[in-house]
Structures are given as C-alpha cells and as structure tokens.
Amino acid sequence: MRARQISAQQINKVEELWKTNPDATLEDLEKPGVDDEPQPVALKYEDAYQVPCLVMVFKIRFDI
C-alpha cells in the first residue's frame, strides 16, 4: 500500500462528504460538482435579468 500526501483542505472536504456519505473517499472529491462553491447571491439586483431563475423563465417564455 502506498501513502500519498493530501492537503488540509482535502481532509476538510472529505470530512464534509462523510456527513452525507460515510463511505466517501478521496476519489469522490474528484467527481464534478463535489467541491464547487455555491454562487454568491446578491442582496439587490439591478433588473430581472440578473436573477438566475428569472432569466431561465424569460428564455423559455419569450424564446430569447
């Protein structure tokens, strides 16, 4: 068995994964979307096109 170096950040992330999936491993950190930080939310928007969910509604409704 070979040892590998991991960072403190990787340790923290896998510990977070263990809360929802006790069988998670370091390989699970490499899956897409696992370590993505959530997008920040603005407290105030200039117009409706800046609100992410409304943009999709406008695109579907008005074929933009």
PDB file of N, CA and C in Angstrom:
ATOM      1  N   MET A   1       0.842  -1.177   0.000  1.00  0.00           N
ATOM      2  CA  MET A   1       0.000   0.000   0.000  1.00  0.00           C
ATOM      3  C   MET A   1       0.888   1.240   0.000  1.00  0.00           C
ATOM      4  N   ARG A   2       0.566   2.179  -0.880  1.00  0.00           N
ATOM      5  CA  ARG A   2       1.368   3.386  -0.986  1.00  0.00           C
ATOM      6  C   ARG A   2       0.658   4.557  -0.311  1.00  0.00           C
ATOM      7  N   ALA A   3       1.406   5.347   0.378  1.00  0.00           N
ATOM      8  CA  ALA A   3       0.858   6.539   1.021  1.00  0.00           C
ATOM      9  C   ALA A   3       0.920   7.701   0.041  1.00  0.00           C
ATOM     10  N   ARG A   4       0.017   8.608   0.185  1.00  0.00           N
ATOM     11  CA  ARG A   4       0.067   9.805  -0.640  1.00  0.00           C
ATOM     12  C   ARG A   4      -0.191  11.025   0.222  1.00  0.00           C
ATOM     13  N   GLN A   5       0.344  12.134  -0.227  1.00  0.00           N
ATOM     14  CA  GLN A   5       0.189  13.375   0.510  1.00  0.00           C
ATOM     15  C   GLN A   5      -1.153  14.005   0.155  1.00  0.00           C
ATOM     16  N   ILE A   6      -1.867  14.468   1.178  1.00  0.00           N
ATOM     17  CA  ILE A   6      -3.113  15.200   0.948  1.00  0.00           C
ATOM     18  C   ILE A   6      -3.063  16.479   1.761  1.00  0.00           C
ATOM     19  N   SER A   7      -3.767  17.467   1.289  1.00  0.00           N
ATOM     20  CA  SER A   7      -3.748  18.771   1.956  1.00  0.00           C
ATOM     21  C   SER A   7      -4.813  18.824   3.052  1.00  0.00           C
ATOM     22  N   ALA A   8      -4.686  19.819   3.898  1.00  0.00           N
ATOM     23  CA  ALA A   8      -5.678  20.031   4.949  1.00  0.00           C
ATOM     24  C   ALA A   8      -7.040  20.338   4.335  1.00  0.00           C
ATOM     25  N   GLN A   9      -7.034  21.036   3.201  1.00  0.00           N
ATOM     26  CA  GLN A   9      -8.286  21.357   2.511  1.00  0.00           C
ATOM     27  C   GLN A   9      -8.977  20.076   2.025  1.00  0.00           C
ATOM     28  N   GLN A  10      -8.210  19.146   1.498  1.00  0.00           N
ATOM     29  CA  GLN A  10      -8.782  17.878   1.056  1.00  0.00           C
ATOM     30  C   GLN A  10      -9.356  17.097   2.234  1.00  0.00           C
ATOM     31  N   ILE A  11      -8.677  17.123   3.351  1.00  0.00           N
ATOM     32  CA  ILE A  11      -9.165  16.442   4.545  1.00  0.00           C
ATOM     33  C   ILE A  11     -10.486  17.043   4.987  1.00  0.00           C
ATOM     34  N   ASN A  12     -10.558  18.369   5.010  1.00  0.00           N
ATOM     35  CA  ASN A  12     -11.793  19.038   5.409  1.00  0.00           C
ATOM     36  C   ASN A  12     -12.946  18.695   4.470  1.00  0.00           C
ATOM     37  N   LYS A  13     -12.659  18.660   3.176  1.00  0.00           N
ATOM     38  CA  LYS A  13     -13.714  18.374   2.203  1.00  0.00           C
ATOM     39  C   LYS A  13     -14.220  16.940   2.320  1.00  0.00           C
ATOM     40  N   VAL A  14     -13.323  15.984   2.521  1.00  0.00           N
ATOM     41  CA  VAL A  14     -13.765  14.600   2.648  1.00  0.00           C
ATOM     42  C   VAL A  14     -14.522  14.405   3.964  1.00  0.00           C
ATOM     43  N   GLU A  15     -14.148  15.134   4.999  1.00  0.00           N
ATOM     44  CA  GLU A  15     -14.896  15.058   6.252  1.00  0.00           C
ATOM     45  C   GLU A  15     -16.304  15.621   6.078  1.00  0.00           C
ATOM     46  N   GLU A  16     -16.445  16.662   5.273  1.00  0.00           N
ATOM     47  CA  GLU A  16     -17.777  17.194   4.962  1.00  0.00           C
ATOM     48  C   GLU A  16     -18.601  16.167   4.191  1.00  0.00           C
ATOM     49  N   LEU A  17     -17.958  15.473   3.256  1.00  0.00           N
ATOM     50  CA  LEU A  17     -18.649  14.436   2.495  1.00  0.00           C
ATOM     51  C   LEU A  17     -19.108  13.298   3.394  1.00  0.00           C
ATOM     52  N   TRP A  18     -18.333  12.976   4.401  1.00  0.00           N
ATOM     53  CA  TRP A  18     -18.681  11.883   5.306  1.00  0.00           C
ATOM     54  C   TRP A  18     -19.990  12.147   6.044  1.00  0.00           C
ATOM     55  N   LYS A  19     -20.347  13.428   6.199  1.00  0.00           N
ATOM     56  CA  LYS A  19     -21.598  13.752   6.886  1.00  0.00           C
ATOM     57  C   LYS A  19     -22.804  13.227   6.110  1.00  0.00           C
ATOM     58  N   THR A  20     -22.718  13.237   4.780  1.00  0.00           N
ATOM     59  CA  THR A  20     -23.827  12.769   3.953  1.00  0.00           C
ATOM     60  C   THR A  20     -23.574  11.386   3.370  1.00  0.00           C
ATOM     61  N   ASN A  21     -22.297  11.004   3.258  1.00  0.00           N
ATOM     62  CA  ASN A  21     -21.941   9.708   2.692  1.00  0.00           C
ATOM     63  C   ASN A  21     -20.764   9.129   3.487  1.00  0.00           C
ATOM     64  N   PRO A  22     -21.047   8.301   4.477  1.00  0.00           N
ATOM     65  CA  PRO A  22     -19.969   7.767   5.320  1.00  0.00           C
ATOM     66  C   PRO A  22     -18.934   6.935   4.560  1.00  0.00           C
ATOM     67  N   ASP A  23     -19.263   6.466   3.367  1.00  0.00           N
ATOM     68  CA  ASP A  23     -18.334   5.658   2.580  1.00  0.00           C
ATOM     69  C   ASP A  23     -17.509   6.477   1.593  1.00  0.00           C
ATOM     70  N   ALA A  24     -17.589   7.803   1.649  1.00  0.00           N
ATOM     71  CA  ALA A  24     -16.873   8.666   0.709  1.00  0.00           C
ATOM     72  C   ALA A  24     -15.359   8.490   0.848  1.00  0.00           C
ATOM     73  N   THR A  25     -14.673   8.629  -0.279  1.00  0.00           N
ATOM     74  CA  THR A  25     -13.210   8.520  -0.302  1.00  0.00           C
ATOM     75  C   THR A  25     -12.632   9.760  -0.966  1.00  0.00           C
ATOM     76  N   LEU A  26     -11.308   9.829  -1.003  1.00  0.00           N
ATOM     77  CA  LEU A  26     -10.658  10.963  -1.674  1.00  0.00           C
ATOM     78  C   LEU A  26     -10.981  10.991  -3.163  1.00  0.00           C
ATOM     79  N   GLU A  27     -11.223   9.835  -3.761  1.00  0.00           N
ATOM     80  CA  GLU A  27     -11.579   9.792  -5.178  1.00  0.00           C
ATOM     81  C   GLU A  27     -12.910  10.500  -5.431  1.00  0.00           C
ATOM     82  N   ASP A  28     -13.784  10.504  -4.437  1.00  0.00           N
ATOM     83  CA  ASP A  28     -15.071  11.185  -4.578  1.00  0.00           C
ATOM     84  C   ASP A  28     -14.896  12.693  -4.707  1.00  0.00           C
ATOM     85  N   LEU A  29     -13.798  13.221  -4.207  1.00  0.00           N
ATOM     86  CA  LEU A  29     -13.539  14.658  -4.334  1.00  0.00           C
ATOM     87  C   LEU A  29     -13.275  15.060  -5.779  1.00  0.00           C
ATOM     88  N   GLU A  30     -12.854  14.106  -6.605  1.00  0.00           N
ATOM     89  CA  GLU A  30     -12.525  14.397  -7.996  1.00  0.00           C
ATOM     90  C   GLU A  30     -13.751  14.397  -8.901  1.00  0.00           C
ATOM     91  N   LYS A  31     -14.889  13.972  -8.374  1.00  0.00           N
ATOM     92  CA  LYS A  31     -16.111  13.959  -9.178  1.00  0.00           C
ATOM     93  C   LYS A  31     -16.564  15.387  -9.433  1.00  0.00           C
ATOM     94  N   PRO A  32     -17.128  15.658 -10.615  1.00  0.00           N
ATOM     95  CA  PRO A  32     -17.569  17.024 -10.922  1.00  0.00           C
ATOM     96  C   PRO A  32     -18.662  17.493  -9.957  1.00  0.00           C
ATOM     97  N   GLY A  33     -18.521  18.743  -9.536  1.00  0.00           N
ATOM     98  CA  GLY A  33     -19.538  19.343  -8.694  1.00  0.00           C
ATOM     99  C   GLY A  33     -19.384  19.119  -7.211  1.00  0.00           C
ATOM    100  N   VAL A  34     -18.477  18.242  -6.801  1.00  0.00           N
ATOM    101  CA  VAL A  34     -18.337  17.927  -5.383  1.00  0.00           C
ATOM    102  C   VAL A  34     -17.746  19.100  -4.617  1.00  0.00           C
ATOM    103  N   ASP A  35     -16.708  19.703  -5.143  1.00  0.00           N
ATOM    104  CA  ASP A  35     -16.042  20.763  -4.412  1.00  0.00           C
ATOM    105  C   ASP A  35     -16.372  22.160  -4.917  1.00  0.00           C
ATOM    106  N   ASP A  36     -17.407  22.266  -5.740  1.00  0.00           N
ATOM    107  CA  ASP A  36     -17.804  23.582  -6.233  1.00  0.00           C
ATOM    108  C   ASP A  36     -18.404  24.404  -5.100  1.00  0.00           C
ATOM    109  N   GLU A  37     -17.958  25.615  -5.002  1.00  0.00           N
ATOM    110  CA  GLU A  37     -18.529  26.521  -4.019  1.00  0.00           C
ATOM    111  C   GLU A  37     -19.828  27.086  -4.584  1.00  0.00           C
ATOM    112  N   PRO A  38     -20.823  27.301  -3.742  1.00  0.00           N
ATOM    113  CA  PRO A  38     -22.069  27.875  -4.238  1.00  0.00           C
ATOM    114  C   PRO A  38     -21.855  29.293  -4.761  1.00  0.00           C
ATOM    115  N   GLN A  39     -22.641  29.663  -5.748  1.00  0.00           N
ATOM    116  CA  GLN A  39     -22.549  31.011  -6.296  1.00  0.00           C
ATOM    117  C   GLN A  39     -23.081  32.011  -5.278  1.00  0.00           C
ATOM    118  N   PRO A  40     -22.405  33.143  -5.126  1.00  0.00           N
ATOM    119  CA  PRO A  40     -22.902  34.154  -4.182  1.00  0.00           C
ATOM    120  C   PRO A  40     -24.218  34.753  -4.678  1.00  0.00           C
ATOM    121  N   VAL A  41     -25.045  35.123  -3.744  1.00  0.00           N
ATOM    122  CA  VAL A  41     -26.338  35.710  -4.069  1.00  0.00           C
ATOM    123  C   VAL A  41     -26.288  37.194  -3.736  1.00  0.00           C
ATOM    124  N   ALA A  42     -26.705  38.003  -4.682  1.00  0.00           N
ATOM    125  CA  ALA A  42     -26.721  39.447  -4.454  1.00  0.00           C
ATOM    126  C   ALA A  42     -27.910  39.828  -3.578  1.00  0.00           C
ATOM    127  N   LEU A  43     -27.724  40.840  -2.767  1.00  0.00           N
ATOM    128  CA  LEU A  43     -28.828  41.312  -1.942  1.00  0.00           C
ATOM    129  C   LEU A  43     -29.785  42.184  -2.740  1.00  0.00           C
ATOM    130  N   LYS A  44     -29.275  42.772  -3.819  1.00  0.00           N
ATOM    131  CA  LYS A  44     -30.109  43.648  -4.639  1.00  0.00           C
ATOM    132  C   LYS A  44     -29.704  43.458  -6.097  1.00  0.00           C
ATOM    133  N   TYR A  45     -30.688  43.366  -6.969  1.00  0.00           N
ATOM    134  CA  TYR A  45     -30.434  43.207  -8.392  1.00  0.00           C
ATOM    135  C   TYR A  45     -30.858  44.462  -9.135  1.00  0.00           C
ATOM    136  N   GLU A  46     -30.133  44.788 -10.189  1.00  0.00           N
ATOM    137  CA  GLU A  46     -30.458  45.969 -10.991  1.00  0.00           C
ATOM    138  C   GLU A  46     -31.719  45.749 -11.820  1.00  0.00           C
ATOM    139  N   ASP A  47     -31.863  44.543 -12.389  1.00  0.00           N
ATOM    140  CA  ASP A  47     -33.060  44.224 -13.162  1.00  0.00           C
ATOM    141  C   ASP A  47     -33.322  42.723 -13.083  1.00  0.00           C
ATOM    142  N   ALA A  48     -34.412  42.279 -13.654  1.00  0.00           N
ATOM    143  CA  ALA A  48     -34.830  40.879 -13.548  1.00  0.00           C
ATOM    144  C   ALA A  48     -33.873  39.923 -14.255  1.00  0.00           C
ATOM    145  N   TYR A  49     -33.112  40.400 -15.230  1.00  0.00           N
ATOM    146  CA  TYR A  49     -32.179  39.525 -15.944  1.00  0.00           C
ATOM    147  C   TYR A  49     -30.993  39.104 -15.090  1.00  0.00           C
ATOM    148  N   GLN A  50     -30.780  39.759 -13.981  1.00  0.00           N
ATOM    149  CA  GLN A  50     -29.691  39.375 -13.093  1.00  0.00           C
ATOM    150  C   GLN A  50     -30.099  38.264 -12.126  1.00  0.00           C
ATOM    151  N   VAL A  51     -31.383  38.024 -11.977  1.00  0.00           N
ATOM    152  CA  VAL A  51     -31.872  36.977 -11.085  1.00  0.00           C
ATOM    153  C   VAL A  51     -31.807  35.658 -11.853  1.00  0.00           C
ATOM    154  N   PRO A  52     -30.962  34.714 -11.426  1.00  0.00           N
ATOM    155  CA  PRO A  52     -30.711  33.493 -12.204  1.00  0.00           C
ATOM    156  C   PRO A  52     -31.962  32.711 -12.596  1.00  0.00           C
ATOM    157  N   CYS A  53     -32.897  32.498 -11.684  1.00  0.00           N
ATOM    158  CA  CYS A  53     -34.064  31.687 -12.022  1.00  0.00           C
ATOM    159  C   CYS A  53     -35.000  32.438 -12.970  1.00  0.00           C
ATOM    160  N   LEU A  54     -35.058  33.758 -12.889  1.00  0.00           N
ATOM    161  CA  LEU A  54     -35.930  34.519 -13.775  1.00  0.00           C
ATOM    162  C   LEU A  54     -35.391  34.555 -15.203  1.00  0.00           C
ATOM    163  N   VAL A  55     -34.093  34.517 -15.354  1.00  0.00           N
ATOM    164  CA  VAL A  55     -33.506  34.507 -16.691  1.00  0.00           C
ATOM    165  C   VAL A  55     -33.995  33.292 -17.462  1.00  0.00           C
ATOM    166  N   MET A  56     -34.006  32.143 -16.814  1.00  0.00           N
ATOM    167  CA  MET A  56     -34.468  30.922 -17.475  1.00  0.00           C
ATOM    168  C   MET A  56     -35.945  31.025 -17.834  1.00  0.00           C
ATOM    169  N   VAL A  57     -36.746  31.592 -16.961  1.00  0.00           N
ATOM    170  CA  VAL A  57     -38.177  31.772 -17.236  1.00  0.00           C
ATOM    171  C   VAL A  57     -38.358  32.674 -18.459  1.00  0.00           C
ATOM    172  N   PHE A  58     -37.600  33.750 -18.522  1.00  0.00           N
ATOM    173  CA  PHE A  58     -37.699  34.667 -19.660  1.00  0.00           C
ATOM    174  C   PHE A  58     -37.282  33.969 -20.959  1.00  0.00           C
ATOM    175  N   LYS A  59     -36.225  33.181 -20.894  1.00  0.00           N
ATOM    176  CA  LYS A  59     -35.762  32.484 -22.094  1.00  0.00           C
ATOM    177  C   LYS A  59     -36.818  31.511 -22.598  1.00  0.00           C
ATOM    178  N   ILE A  60     -37.453  30.796 -21.702  1.00  0.00           N
ATOM    179  CA  ILE A  60     -38.477  29.830 -22.108  1.00  0.00           C
ATOM    180  C   ILE A  60     -39.729  30.549 -22.601  1.00  0.00           C
ATOM    181  N   ARG A  61     -40.148  31.554 -21.870  1.00  0.00           N
ATOM    182  CA  ARG A  61     -41.414  32.237 -22.191  1.00  0.00           C
ATOM    183  C   ARG A  61     -41.305  33.061 -23.468  1.00  0.00           C
ATOM    184  N   PHE A  62     -40.242  33.783 -23.651  1.00  0.00           N
ATOM    185  CA  PHE A  62     -40.114  34.712 -24.768  1.00  0.00           C
ATOM    186  C   PHE A  62     -39.151  34.261 -25.845  1.00  0.00           C
ATOM    187  N   ASP A  63     -38.654  33.026 -25.774  1.00  0.00           N
ATOM    188  CA  ASP A  63     -37.734  32.464 -26.766  1.00  0.00           C
ATOM    189  C   ASP A  63     -36.561  33.397 -27.046  1.00  0.00           C
ATOM    190  N   ILE A  64     -35.917  33.858 -25.992  1.00  0.00           N
ATOM    191  CA  ILE A  64     -34.764  34.778 -26.132  1.00  0.00           C
ATOM    192  C   ILE A  64     -33.517  33.951 -26.410  1.00  0.00           C
TER     193      ILE A  64
END
